[in-house]
């Protein structure tokens, strides 16, 4: 009698343990995960730090008289694309899907996003900032192909329009649940959304 009783206690203990783990995991998905949040904050800062690195790289490839303007071509997207992303970029990339092609305007001016809104296990505002950093660096990458060959005003207008018409829809295709995501496309580091888009845009601009 002792052996079956011990087995019953053991099985009951194991059942309660796994049940508790399951309930805890279910609760975590509905709340902010502090580790995930901290990591995305750090990651966002690291992506932003690519801008001065890019500026110094491009600045070292041009003549002395054009160094300052080339540096500014890398830094100005930080302001222009931040405005564009909050205004319309985020909703075009991650808004409600329209035909698997582009996001809707439901998140225009970040409408409906508060400090309590979550994207997975992190605040959606943080997710928005993280994705914004990729939009900024993508626009900045293009500047290297047109260094010394474009006016500053023209470049500012170009990156605003290009991000709206090219980057945001492409971002939705891959990361926002668009048609490429449905086909199973995976882009963990921006190889498609960032580098293919900026590379082809840079080639077209240079030509």
N, C-alpha and C. Protein backbone atom coordinates (compact mmCIF):
# COMPACT_ATOMS: atom_id res chain seq x y z
N UNK A 1 0.82 -1.21 0.00
CA UNK A 1 0.00 0.00 0.00
C UNK A 1 0.86 1.26 0.00
N UNK A 2 2.03 1.17 0.60
CA UNK A 2 2.87 2.36 0.71
C UNK A 2 3.38 2.83 -0.65
N UNK A 3 3.76 1.85 -1.49
CA UNK A 3 4.34 2.21 -2.79
C UNK A 3 3.34 2.94 -3.70
N UNK A 4 2.09 2.43 -3.90
CA UNK A 4 1.12 3.18 -4.72
C UNK A 4 0.80 4.56 -4.14
N UNK A 5 0.77 4.67 -2.82
CA UNK A 5 0.49 5.96 -2.19
C UNK A 5 1.60 6.97 -2.47
N UNK A 6 2.84 6.51 -2.40
CA UNK A 6 3.98 7.38 -2.70
C UNK A 6 3.96 7.83 -4.16
N UNK A 7 3.59 6.88 -5.04
CA UNK A 7 3.52 7.22 -6.46
C UNK A 7 2.44 8.27 -6.72
N UNK A 8 1.31 8.11 -6.02
CA UNK A 8 0.22 9.07 -6.18
C UNK A 8 0.64 10.46 -5.73
N UNK A 9 1.35 10.53 -4.61
CA UNK A 9 1.84 11.83 -4.11
C UNK A 9 2.84 12.43 -5.08
N UNK A 10 3.73 11.59 -5.61
CA UNK A 10 4.73 12.06 -6.56
C UNK A 10 4.08 12.60 -7.83
N UNK A 11 3.11 11.85 -8.36
CA UNK A 11 2.42 12.28 -9.58
C UNK A 11 1.63 13.56 -9.34
N UNK A 12 1.00 13.66 -8.17
CA UNK A 12 0.24 14.87 -7.84
C UNK A 12 1.16 16.09 -7.76
N UNK A 13 2.32 15.88 -7.13
CA UNK A 13 3.29 16.98 -7.00
C UNK A 13 3.78 17.44 -8.37
N UNK A 14 4.11 16.47 -9.25
CA UNK A 14 4.56 16.81 -10.59
C UNK A 14 3.48 17.54 -11.38
N UNK A 15 2.24 17.07 -11.21
CA UNK A 15 1.13 17.71 -11.92
C UNK A 15 0.95 19.16 -11.48
N UNK A 16 1.00 19.39 -10.18
CA UNK A 16 0.85 20.75 -9.67
C UNK A 16 2.01 21.64 -10.11
N UNK A 17 3.21 21.06 -10.17
CA UNK A 17 4.39 21.83 -10.60
C UNK A 17 4.24 22.30 -12.05
N UNK A 18 3.88 21.37 -12.94
CA UNK A 18 3.72 21.73 -14.35
C UNK A 18 2.52 22.64 -14.57
N UNK A 19 1.46 22.45 -13.77
CA UNK A 19 0.31 23.33 -13.87
C UNK A 19 0.69 24.76 -13.47
N UNK A 20 1.47 24.89 -12.39
CA UNK A 20 1.92 26.20 -11.96
C UNK A 20 2.81 26.87 -13.01
N UNK A 21 3.69 26.09 -13.64
CA UNK A 21 4.56 26.63 -14.67
C UNK A 21 3.75 27.12 -15.87
N UNK A 22 2.73 26.33 -16.23
CA UNK A 22 1.87 26.69 -17.36
C UNK A 22 1.11 27.98 -17.09
N UNK A 23 0.54 28.10 -15.89
CA UNK A 23 -0.21 29.30 -15.52
C UNK A 23 0.71 30.51 -15.50
N UNK A 24 1.93 30.33 -14.97
CA UNK A 24 2.91 31.43 -14.92
C UNK A 24 3.29 31.89 -16.32
N UNK A 25 3.50 30.91 -17.23
CA UNK A 25 3.85 31.26 -18.61
C UNK A 25 2.71 32.00 -19.29
N UNK A 26 1.47 31.55 -19.02
CA UNK A 26 0.31 32.21 -19.61
C UNK A 26 0.17 33.64 -19.11
N UNK A 27 0.48 33.86 -17.82
CA UNK A 27 0.40 35.20 -17.27
C UNK A 27 1.48 36.10 -17.84
N UNK A 28 2.67 35.56 -18.09
CA UNK A 28 3.77 36.35 -18.60
C UNK A 28 3.49 36.89 -19.99
N UNK A 29 2.76 36.12 -20.82
CA UNK A 29 2.47 36.58 -22.17
C UNK A 29 1.53 37.78 -22.17
N UNK A 30 0.79 37.97 -21.08
CA UNK A 30 -0.16 39.07 -21.02
C UNK A 30 0.39 40.28 -20.28
N UNK A 31 1.62 40.20 -19.80
CA UNK A 31 2.22 41.30 -19.06
C UNK A 31 3.58 41.63 -19.66
N UNK A 32 4.12 42.74 -19.22
CA UNK A 32 5.44 43.17 -19.70
C UNK A 32 6.52 42.27 -19.13
N UNK A 33 7.39 41.81 -19.98
CA UNK A 33 8.56 41.05 -19.54
C UNK A 33 9.72 42.04 -19.40
N UNK A 34 10.22 42.19 -18.19
CA UNK A 34 11.24 43.20 -17.93
C UNK A 34 12.54 42.92 -18.68
N UNK A 35 12.90 41.65 -18.78
CA UNK A 35 14.14 41.31 -19.49
C UNK A 35 14.02 41.64 -20.98
N UNK A 36 12.89 41.27 -21.58
CA UNK A 36 12.67 41.58 -23.00
C UNK A 36 12.68 43.09 -23.23
N UNK A 37 12.02 43.81 -22.33
CA UNK A 37 11.95 45.27 -22.45
C UNK A 37 13.33 45.90 -22.35
N UNK A 38 14.12 45.46 -21.39
CA UNK A 38 15.47 46.00 -21.21
C UNK A 38 16.33 45.72 -22.44
N UNK A 39 16.19 44.51 -22.98
CA UNK A 39 17.01 44.15 -24.14
C UNK A 39 16.65 44.98 -25.37
N UNK A 40 15.35 45.23 -25.59
CA UNK A 40 14.93 46.01 -26.75
C UNK A 40 15.36 47.47 -26.59
N UNK A 41 15.36 47.99 -25.36
CA UNK A 41 15.86 49.34 -25.13
C UNK A 41 17.33 49.43 -25.52
N UNK A 42 18.12 48.46 -25.06
CA UNK A 42 19.55 48.43 -25.40
C UNK A 42 19.74 48.28 -26.91
N UNK A 43 18.96 47.40 -27.51
CA UNK A 43 19.07 47.16 -28.96
C UNK A 43 18.74 48.42 -29.75
N UNK A 44 17.72 49.15 -29.31
CA UNK A 44 17.35 50.40 -29.98
C UNK A 44 18.50 51.41 -29.93
N UNK A 45 19.14 51.49 -28.76
CA UNK A 45 20.28 52.40 -28.60
C UNK A 45 21.44 51.98 -29.49
N UNK A 46 21.67 50.68 -29.60
CA UNK A 46 22.78 50.19 -30.43
C UNK A 46 22.53 50.49 -31.91
N UNK A 47 21.29 50.34 -32.36
CA UNK A 47 20.99 50.66 -33.75
C UNK A 47 21.19 52.15 -34.00
N UNK A 48 20.78 52.99 -33.04
CA UNK A 48 20.97 54.43 -33.20
C UNK A 48 22.45 54.79 -33.25
N UNK A 49 23.28 54.04 -32.52
CA UNK A 49 24.72 54.31 -32.53
C UNK A 49 25.37 53.97 -33.87
N UNK A 50 24.64 53.28 -34.72
CA UNK A 50 25.16 53.03 -36.07
C UNK A 50 25.24 54.31 -36.88
N UNK A 51 24.41 55.31 -36.55
CA UNK A 51 24.39 56.55 -37.31
C UNK A 51 25.72 57.30 -37.27
N UNK A 52 26.30 57.58 -36.08
CA UNK A 52 27.61 58.25 -36.10
C UNK A 52 28.69 57.41 -36.77
N UNK A 53 28.60 56.09 -36.61
CA UNK A 53 29.57 55.22 -37.30
C UNK A 53 29.45 55.35 -38.80
N UNK A 54 28.21 55.35 -39.30
CA UNK A 54 27.97 55.51 -40.73
C UNK A 54 28.42 56.88 -41.21
N UNK A 55 28.16 57.91 -40.40
CA UNK A 55 28.54 59.27 -40.77
C UNK A 55 30.06 59.40 -40.89
N UNK A 56 30.79 58.83 -39.95
CA UNK A 56 32.26 58.89 -40.00
C UNK A 56 32.80 58.09 -41.18
N UNK A 57 32.17 56.97 -41.48
CA UNK A 57 32.60 56.14 -42.61
C UNK A 57 32.41 56.89 -43.93
N UNK A 58 31.21 57.43 -44.14
CA UNK A 58 30.94 58.16 -45.38
C UNK A 58 31.74 59.46 -45.43
N UNK A 59 31.89 60.13 -44.28
CA UNK A 59 32.64 61.37 -44.26
C UNK A 59 34.10 61.19 -44.62
N UNK A 60 34.63 60.02 -44.33
CA UNK A 60 36.03 59.74 -44.67
C UNK A 60 36.25 59.38 -46.12
N UNK A 61 35.18 59.29 -46.89
CA UNK A 61 35.31 58.89 -48.30
C UNK A 61 35.14 60.06 -49.27
N UNK A 62 34.91 61.27 -48.74
CA UNK A 62 34.67 62.42 -49.61
C UNK A 62 35.76 63.46 -49.43
N UNK A 63 35.73 64.44 -50.31
CA UNK A 63 36.70 65.53 -50.21
C UNK A 63 36.43 66.38 -48.97
N UNK A 64 37.47 67.07 -48.50
CA UNK A 64 37.38 67.81 -47.24
C UNK A 64 36.23 68.80 -47.25
N UNK A 65 35.99 69.48 -48.35
CA UNK A 65 34.95 70.51 -48.39
C UNK A 65 33.54 69.93 -48.25
N UNK A 66 33.39 68.62 -48.46
CA UNK A 66 32.07 68.00 -48.41
C UNK A 66 31.87 67.11 -47.17
N UNK A 67 32.83 67.13 -46.27
CA UNK A 67 32.73 66.25 -45.10
C UNK A 67 31.51 66.59 -44.25
N UNK A 68 31.32 67.88 -43.95
CA UNK A 68 30.22 68.29 -43.07
C UNK A 68 28.86 67.92 -43.66
N UNK A 69 28.67 68.20 -44.95
CA UNK A 69 27.38 67.89 -45.57
C UNK A 69 27.15 66.38 -45.61
N UNK A 70 28.21 65.62 -45.81
CA UNK A 70 28.08 64.16 -45.84
C UNK A 70 27.73 63.63 -44.45
N UNK A 71 28.34 64.20 -43.42
CA UNK A 71 27.98 63.83 -42.05
C UNK A 71 26.51 64.12 -41.77
N UNK A 72 26.05 65.27 -42.23
CA UNK A 72 24.66 65.66 -42.01
C UNK A 72 23.69 64.75 -42.76
N UNK A 73 24.11 64.22 -43.91
CA UNK A 73 23.25 63.29 -44.64
C UNK A 73 22.98 62.03 -43.83
N UNK A 74 23.91 61.67 -42.96
CA UNK A 74 23.70 60.49 -42.12
C UNK A 74 22.91 60.83 -40.86
N UNK A 75 23.05 62.05 -40.37
CA UNK A 75 22.39 62.42 -39.11
C UNK A 75 20.96 62.95 -39.29
N UNK A 76 20.69 63.62 -40.42
CA UNK A 76 19.38 64.27 -40.58
C UNK A 76 18.22 63.26 -40.61
N UNK A 77 18.40 62.01 -41.06
CA UNK A 77 17.28 61.06 -40.98
C UNK A 77 16.77 60.85 -39.55
N UNK A 78 17.63 61.07 -38.55
CA UNK A 78 17.21 60.92 -37.16
C UNK A 78 16.04 61.86 -36.84
N UNK A 79 16.04 63.03 -37.46
CA UNK A 79 14.95 63.97 -37.25
C UNK A 79 13.81 63.78 -38.23
N UNK A 80 14.16 63.66 -39.51
CA UNK A 80 13.14 63.58 -40.57
C UNK A 80 12.32 62.29 -40.45
N UNK A 81 12.99 61.17 -40.31
CA UNK A 81 12.29 59.88 -40.27
C UNK A 81 11.55 59.69 -38.95
N UNK A 82 12.06 60.28 -37.86
CA UNK A 82 11.31 60.23 -36.60
C UNK A 82 9.95 60.90 -36.78
N UNK A 83 9.95 62.07 -37.40
CA UNK A 83 8.68 62.77 -37.67
C UNK A 83 7.81 61.95 -38.61
N UNK A 84 8.39 61.43 -39.68
CA UNK A 84 7.63 60.65 -40.65
C UNK A 84 7.06 59.38 -40.04
N UNK A 85 7.84 58.72 -39.19
CA UNK A 85 7.43 57.45 -38.59
C UNK A 85 6.24 57.64 -37.65
N UNK A 86 6.30 58.69 -36.82
CA UNK A 86 5.19 58.98 -35.92
C UNK A 86 3.96 59.42 -36.70
N UNK A 87 4.18 60.23 -37.72
CA UNK A 87 3.07 60.75 -38.51
C UNK A 87 2.34 59.64 -39.26
N UNK A 88 3.07 58.87 -40.09
CA UNK A 88 2.41 57.91 -40.96
C UNK A 88 3.19 56.61 -41.15
N UNK A 89 4.48 56.63 -40.88
CA UNK A 89 5.31 55.46 -41.17
C UNK A 89 4.93 54.22 -40.38
N UNK A 90 4.72 54.38 -39.08
CA UNK A 90 4.43 53.20 -38.24
C UNK A 90 3.11 52.55 -38.64
N UNK A 91 2.11 53.36 -38.92
CA UNK A 91 0.82 52.78 -39.27
C UNK A 91 0.85 52.11 -40.64
N UNK A 92 1.65 52.64 -41.58
CA UNK A 92 1.77 51.99 -42.88
C UNK A 92 2.51 50.66 -42.78
N UNK A 93 3.42 50.58 -41.83
CA UNK A 93 4.21 49.36 -41.68
C UNK A 93 3.53 48.33 -40.78
N UNK A 94 2.89 48.79 -39.69
CA UNK A 94 2.36 47.85 -38.70
C UNK A 94 0.89 48.08 -38.35
N UNK A 95 0.21 48.86 -39.16
CA UNK A 95 -1.22 49.06 -38.96
C UNK A 95 -2.00 47.86 -39.44
N UNK A 96 -3.32 47.95 -39.33
CA UNK A 96 -4.20 46.86 -39.78
C UNK A 96 -3.96 46.58 -41.25
N UNK A 97 -3.78 45.31 -41.59
CA UNK A 97 -3.38 44.91 -42.93
C UNK A 97 -4.43 45.28 -43.98
N UNK A 98 -3.96 45.80 -45.11
CA UNK A 98 -4.81 46.09 -46.26
C UNK A 98 -4.28 45.30 -47.45
N UNK A 99 -4.94 44.23 -47.79
CA UNK A 99 -4.58 43.44 -48.95
C UNK A 99 -3.20 42.83 -48.92
N UNK A 100 -2.65 42.62 -47.72
CA UNK A 100 -1.30 42.06 -47.57
C UNK A 100 -0.23 42.95 -48.21
N UNK A 101 -0.58 44.22 -48.47
CA UNK A 101 0.35 45.11 -49.17
C UNK A 101 0.86 46.24 -48.28
N UNK A 102 -0.05 46.82 -47.49
CA UNK A 102 0.34 47.96 -46.65
C UNK A 102 -0.57 48.00 -45.44
N UNK A 103 -0.10 48.67 -44.38
CA UNK A 103 -0.91 48.81 -43.19
C UNK A 103 -1.91 49.95 -43.34
N UNK A 104 -3.00 49.87 -42.60
CA UNK A 104 -4.02 50.91 -42.64
C UNK A 104 -3.63 52.13 -41.84
N UNK A 105 -4.54 53.07 -41.74
CA UNK A 105 -4.27 54.33 -41.05
C UNK A 105 -4.81 54.34 -39.63
N UNK A 106 -5.05 53.17 -39.07
CA UNK A 106 -5.63 53.09 -37.73
C UNK A 106 -4.66 53.56 -36.64
N UNK A 107 -3.35 53.59 -36.95
CA UNK A 107 -2.36 54.03 -35.96
C UNK A 107 -1.68 55.33 -36.38
N UNK A 108 -2.39 56.12 -37.19
CA UNK A 108 -1.89 57.42 -37.61
C UNK A 108 -1.60 58.28 -36.38
N UNK A 109 -0.43 58.92 -36.35
CA UNK A 109 -0.01 59.71 -35.18
C UNK A 109 0.03 58.84 -33.92
N UNK A 110 0.26 57.54 -34.09
CA UNK A 110 0.30 56.57 -32.99
C UNK A 110 -1.01 56.53 -32.21
N UNK A 111 -2.10 56.70 -32.92
CA UNK A 111 -3.42 56.67 -32.29
C UNK A 111 -3.68 55.32 -31.62
N UNK A 112 -4.19 55.36 -30.42
CA UNK A 112 -4.54 54.14 -29.69
C UNK A 112 -3.39 53.46 -28.98
N UNK A 113 -2.19 54.00 -29.10
CA UNK A 113 -1.03 53.41 -28.44
C UNK A 113 -0.73 54.19 -27.17
N UNK A 114 -0.80 53.52 -26.04
CA UNK A 114 -0.50 54.15 -24.75
C UNK A 114 0.64 53.40 -24.07
N UNK A 115 1.00 53.84 -22.86
CA UNK A 115 2.06 53.16 -22.12
C UNK A 115 1.63 51.78 -21.67
N UNK A 116 0.31 51.49 -21.75
CA UNK A 116 -0.18 50.17 -21.33
C UNK A 116 -0.36 49.22 -22.51
N UNK A 117 -0.27 49.73 -23.75
CA UNK A 117 -0.44 48.89 -24.93
C UNK A 117 0.79 48.02 -25.13
N UNK A 118 0.57 46.73 -25.34
CA UNK A 118 1.68 45.79 -25.47
C UNK A 118 1.82 45.30 -26.90
N UNK A 119 3.06 44.98 -27.26
CA UNK A 119 3.38 44.27 -28.49
C UNK A 119 4.16 43.04 -28.07
N UNK A 120 3.45 41.93 -27.92
CA UNK A 120 4.08 40.74 -27.36
C UNK A 120 4.31 40.93 -25.87
N UNK A 121 5.58 40.92 -25.48
CA UNK A 121 5.91 41.07 -24.05
C UNK A 121 6.57 42.41 -23.74
N UNK A 122 6.54 43.34 -24.70
CA UNK A 122 7.14 44.66 -24.50
C UNK A 122 6.10 45.74 -24.80
N UNK A 123 6.28 46.96 -24.27
CA UNK A 123 5.36 48.05 -24.61
C UNK A 123 5.39 48.33 -26.10
N UNK A 124 4.23 48.61 -26.68
CA UNK A 124 4.19 48.88 -28.12
C UNK A 124 4.93 50.15 -28.48
N UNK A 125 4.96 51.12 -27.57
CA UNK A 125 5.74 52.33 -27.83
C UNK A 125 7.22 52.01 -28.00
N UNK A 126 7.72 51.08 -27.21
CA UNK A 126 9.11 50.66 -27.34
C UNK A 126 9.32 49.92 -28.65
N UNK A 127 8.38 49.05 -29.02
CA UNK A 127 8.47 48.36 -30.30
C UNK A 127 8.49 49.36 -31.45
N UNK A 128 7.67 50.42 -31.32
CA UNK A 128 7.63 51.47 -32.33
C UNK A 128 8.99 52.16 -32.45
N UNK A 129 9.61 52.47 -31.32
CA UNK A 129 10.93 53.12 -31.32
C UNK A 129 11.98 52.20 -31.94
N UNK A 130 11.95 50.92 -31.57
CA UNK A 130 12.91 49.96 -32.10
C UNK A 130 12.81 49.87 -33.62
N UNK A 131 11.60 49.77 -34.13
CA UNK A 131 11.41 49.70 -35.59
C UNK A 131 11.76 51.03 -36.26
N UNK A 132 11.53 52.11 -35.56
CA UNK A 132 11.87 53.43 -36.11
C UNK A 132 13.36 53.56 -36.34
N UNK A 133 14.16 52.98 -35.46
CA UNK A 133 15.61 53.04 -35.63
C UNK A 133 16.05 52.36 -36.94
N UNK A 134 15.38 51.28 -37.30
CA UNK A 134 15.70 50.63 -38.56
C UNK A 134 15.30 51.49 -39.75
N UNK A 135 14.15 52.17 -39.64
CA UNK A 135 13.73 53.08 -40.70
C UNK A 135 14.73 54.22 -40.87
N UNK A 136 15.26 54.71 -39.76
CA UNK A 136 16.23 55.81 -39.80
C UNK A 136 17.53 55.36 -40.46
N UNK A 137 18.07 54.23 -40.03
CA UNK A 137 19.36 53.78 -40.56
C UNK A 137 19.24 53.39 -42.03
N UNK A 138 18.07 52.91 -42.45
CA UNK A 138 17.88 52.53 -43.85
C UNK A 138 17.97 53.76 -44.74
N UNK A 139 17.30 54.84 -44.33
CA UNK A 139 17.37 56.08 -45.11
C UNK A 139 18.80 56.64 -45.13
N UNK A 140 19.49 56.53 -44.01
CA UNK A 140 20.86 57.05 -43.93
C UNK A 140 21.81 56.26 -44.82
N UNK A 141 21.58 54.97 -44.96
CA UNK A 141 22.47 54.14 -45.78
C UNK A 141 22.51 54.59 -47.23
N UNK A 142 21.40 55.11 -47.71
CA UNK A 142 21.32 55.53 -49.12
C UNK A 142 22.27 56.68 -49.41
N UNK A 143 22.53 57.51 -48.41
CA UNK A 143 23.29 58.75 -48.64
C UNK A 143 24.69 58.50 -49.17
N UNK A 144 25.27 57.34 -48.86
CA UNK A 144 26.63 57.07 -49.34
C UNK A 144 26.74 56.99 -50.85
N UNK A 145 25.66 56.60 -51.52
CA UNK A 145 25.72 56.46 -52.98
C UNK A 145 25.56 57.79 -53.71
N UNK A 146 25.08 58.81 -52.98
CA UNK A 146 24.87 60.11 -53.62
C UNK A 146 25.70 61.20 -52.94
N UNK A 147 26.74 60.80 -52.24
CA UNK A 147 27.61 61.77 -51.57
C UNK A 147 28.22 62.71 -52.60
N UNK A 148 28.24 63.99 -52.30
CA UNK A 148 28.79 65.05 -53.16
C UNK A 148 27.98 65.30 -54.43
N UNK A 149 26.81 64.64 -54.53
CA UNK A 149 26.06 64.77 -55.79
C UNK A 149 24.60 65.15 -55.60
N UNK A 150 24.22 65.59 -54.39
CA UNK A 150 22.82 65.94 -54.15
C UNK A 150 22.76 67.11 -53.17
N UNK A 151 21.76 67.96 -53.37
CA UNK A 151 21.59 69.08 -52.44
C UNK A 151 20.98 68.58 -51.14
N UNK A 152 21.23 69.29 -50.07
CA UNK A 152 20.74 68.87 -48.77
C UNK A 152 19.21 68.91 -48.72
N UNK A 153 18.60 69.95 -49.27
CA UNK A 153 17.14 70.06 -49.28
C UNK A 153 16.51 68.91 -50.09
N UNK A 154 17.13 68.63 -51.24
CA UNK A 154 16.61 67.55 -52.07
C UNK A 154 16.69 66.21 -51.37
N UNK A 155 17.76 66.01 -50.61
CA UNK A 155 17.92 64.75 -49.89
C UNK A 155 16.87 64.61 -48.79
N UNK A 156 16.56 65.70 -48.08
CA UNK A 156 15.56 65.66 -47.02
C UNK A 156 14.19 65.28 -47.59
N UNK A 157 13.81 65.90 -48.71
CA UNK A 157 12.53 65.58 -49.35
C UNK A 157 12.54 64.14 -49.83
N UNK A 158 13.66 63.72 -50.41
CA UNK A 158 13.76 62.36 -50.95
C UNK A 158 13.57 61.30 -49.87
N UNK A 159 14.25 61.42 -48.73
CA UNK A 159 14.15 60.37 -47.71
C UNK A 159 12.75 60.32 -47.10
N UNK A 160 12.08 61.47 -47.01
CA UNK A 160 10.71 61.47 -46.48
C UNK A 160 9.79 60.71 -47.43
N UNK A 161 9.86 61.03 -48.71
CA UNK A 161 8.99 60.38 -49.69
C UNK A 161 9.37 58.91 -49.88
N UNK A 162 10.66 58.62 -49.92
CA UNK A 162 11.10 57.24 -50.13
C UNK A 162 10.68 56.34 -48.96
N UNK A 163 10.82 56.84 -47.76
CA UNK A 163 10.41 56.04 -46.60
C UNK A 163 8.91 55.77 -46.62
N UNK A 164 8.13 56.76 -47.04
CA UNK A 164 6.68 56.60 -47.08
C UNK A 164 6.24 55.64 -48.19
N UNK A 165 6.83 55.78 -49.36
CA UNK A 165 6.36 55.04 -50.53
C UNK A 165 7.06 53.70 -50.74
N UNK A 166 8.27 53.56 -50.20
CA UNK A 166 9.03 52.33 -50.45
C UNK A 166 9.28 51.55 -49.15
N UNK A 167 9.93 52.17 -48.19
CA UNK A 167 10.33 51.43 -47.00
C UNK A 167 9.14 50.90 -46.20
N UNK A 168 8.17 51.77 -45.94
CA UNK A 168 7.05 51.37 -45.07
C UNK A 168 6.24 50.20 -45.65
N UNK A 169 5.85 50.25 -46.93
CA UNK A 169 5.17 49.07 -47.49
C UNK A 169 6.03 47.81 -47.46
N UNK A 170 7.32 47.94 -47.79
CA UNK A 170 8.20 46.78 -47.77
C UNK A 170 8.34 46.21 -46.37
N UNK A 171 8.42 47.09 -45.38
CA UNK A 171 8.47 46.66 -43.98
C UNK A 171 7.21 45.88 -43.63
N UNK A 172 6.07 46.34 -44.12
CA UNK A 172 4.81 45.64 -43.85
C UNK A 172 4.80 44.27 -44.52
N UNK A 173 5.35 44.18 -45.73
CA UNK A 173 5.37 42.89 -46.43
C UNK A 173 6.06 41.82 -45.60
N UNK A 174 7.16 42.19 -44.95
CA UNK A 174 8.00 41.20 -44.27
C UNK A 174 7.71 41.13 -42.76
N UNK A 175 7.70 42.27 -42.10
CA UNK A 175 7.59 42.30 -40.63
C UNK A 175 6.18 42.62 -40.14
N UNK A 176 5.33 43.15 -41.01
CA UNK A 176 4.01 43.57 -40.58
C UNK A 176 2.90 42.61 -40.93
N UNK A 177 3.26 41.42 -41.42
CA UNK A 177 2.24 40.43 -41.76
C UNK A 177 1.76 40.50 -43.18
N UNK A 178 2.56 41.06 -44.08
CA UNK A 178 2.19 41.18 -45.49
C UNK A 178 2.40 39.90 -46.27
N UNK A 179 2.41 40.04 -47.61
CA UNK A 179 2.41 38.86 -48.47
C UNK A 179 3.72 38.07 -48.40
N UNK A 180 4.84 38.74 -48.21
CA UNK A 180 6.11 38.01 -48.09
C UNK A 180 6.15 37.20 -46.79
N UNK A 181 5.60 37.75 -45.72
CA UNK A 181 5.53 37.01 -44.46
C UNK A 181 4.64 35.79 -44.61
N UNK A 182 3.55 35.93 -45.37
CA UNK A 182 2.65 34.80 -45.60
C UNK A 182 3.33 33.68 -46.38
N UNK A 183 4.26 34.07 -47.25
CA UNK A 183 4.99 33.07 -48.04
C UNK A 183 6.08 32.39 -47.22
N UNK A 184 6.31 32.88 -46.00
CA UNK A 184 7.29 32.27 -45.12
C UNK A 184 8.62 32.97 -45.08
N UNK A 185 8.69 34.20 -45.63
CA UNK A 185 9.95 34.94 -45.62
C UNK A 185 10.35 35.29 -44.18
N UNK A 186 11.61 35.09 -43.86
CA UNK A 186 12.15 35.41 -42.55
C UNK A 186 13.27 36.44 -42.71
N UNK A 187 13.20 37.48 -41.92
CA UNK A 187 14.22 38.53 -41.98
C UNK A 187 14.53 38.94 -40.55
N UNK A 188 15.53 38.30 -39.97
CA UNK A 188 15.84 38.54 -38.56
C UNK A 188 16.69 39.78 -38.34
N UNK A 189 17.43 40.22 -39.34
CA UNK A 189 18.37 41.32 -39.14
C UNK A 189 18.25 42.42 -40.18
N UNK A 190 17.19 42.42 -40.96
CA UNK A 190 16.99 43.50 -41.92
C UNK A 190 17.64 43.28 -43.26
N UNK A 191 18.01 42.06 -43.59
CA UNK A 191 18.65 41.80 -44.88
C UNK A 191 17.78 42.20 -46.06
N UNK A 192 16.48 41.98 -45.93
CA UNK A 192 15.55 42.36 -47.00
C UNK A 192 15.04 43.78 -46.79
N UNK A 193 14.45 44.03 -45.64
CA UNK A 193 13.79 45.31 -45.37
C UNK A 193 14.78 46.47 -45.40
N UNK A 194 15.95 46.28 -44.83
CA UNK A 194 16.92 47.37 -44.73
C UNK A 194 17.90 47.37 -45.89
N UNK A 195 18.62 46.28 -46.08
CA UNK A 195 19.77 46.30 -46.98
C UNK A 195 19.40 46.18 -48.45
N UNK A 196 18.45 45.32 -48.78
CA UNK A 196 18.04 45.24 -50.19
C UNK A 196 17.37 46.54 -50.63
N UNK A 197 16.50 47.07 -49.78
CA UNK A 197 15.80 48.30 -50.15
C UNK A 197 16.75 49.49 -50.28
N UNK A 198 17.64 49.66 -49.31
CA UNK A 198 18.58 50.79 -49.37
C UNK A 198 19.61 50.60 -50.48
N UNK A 199 20.02 49.35 -50.71
CA UNK A 199 21.01 49.08 -51.77
C UNK A 199 20.46 49.38 -53.15
N UNK A 200 19.23 48.92 -53.42
CA UNK A 200 18.64 49.18 -54.74
C UNK A 200 18.31 50.66 -54.90
N UNK A 201 17.87 51.30 -53.83
CA UNK A 201 17.58 52.74 -53.90
C UNK A 201 18.87 53.53 -54.14
N UNK A 202 19.94 53.13 -53.46
CA UNK A 202 21.22 53.79 -53.66
C UNK A 202 21.74 53.63 -55.07
N UNK A 203 21.57 52.43 -55.64
CA UNK A 203 22.01 52.18 -57.01
C UNK A 203 21.21 53.03 -58.00
N UNK A 204 19.88 53.08 -57.80
CA UNK A 204 19.03 53.88 -58.68
C UNK A 204 19.38 55.37 -58.55
N UNK A 205 19.63 55.84 -57.34
CA UNK A 205 19.96 57.24 -57.13
C UNK A 205 21.31 57.58 -57.77
N UNK A 206 22.27 56.67 -57.68
CA UNK A 206 23.59 56.91 -58.26
C UNK A 206 23.52 56.97 -59.78
N UNK A 207 22.71 56.07 -60.35
CA UNK A 207 22.57 56.06 -61.81
C UNK A 207 21.86 57.31 -62.31
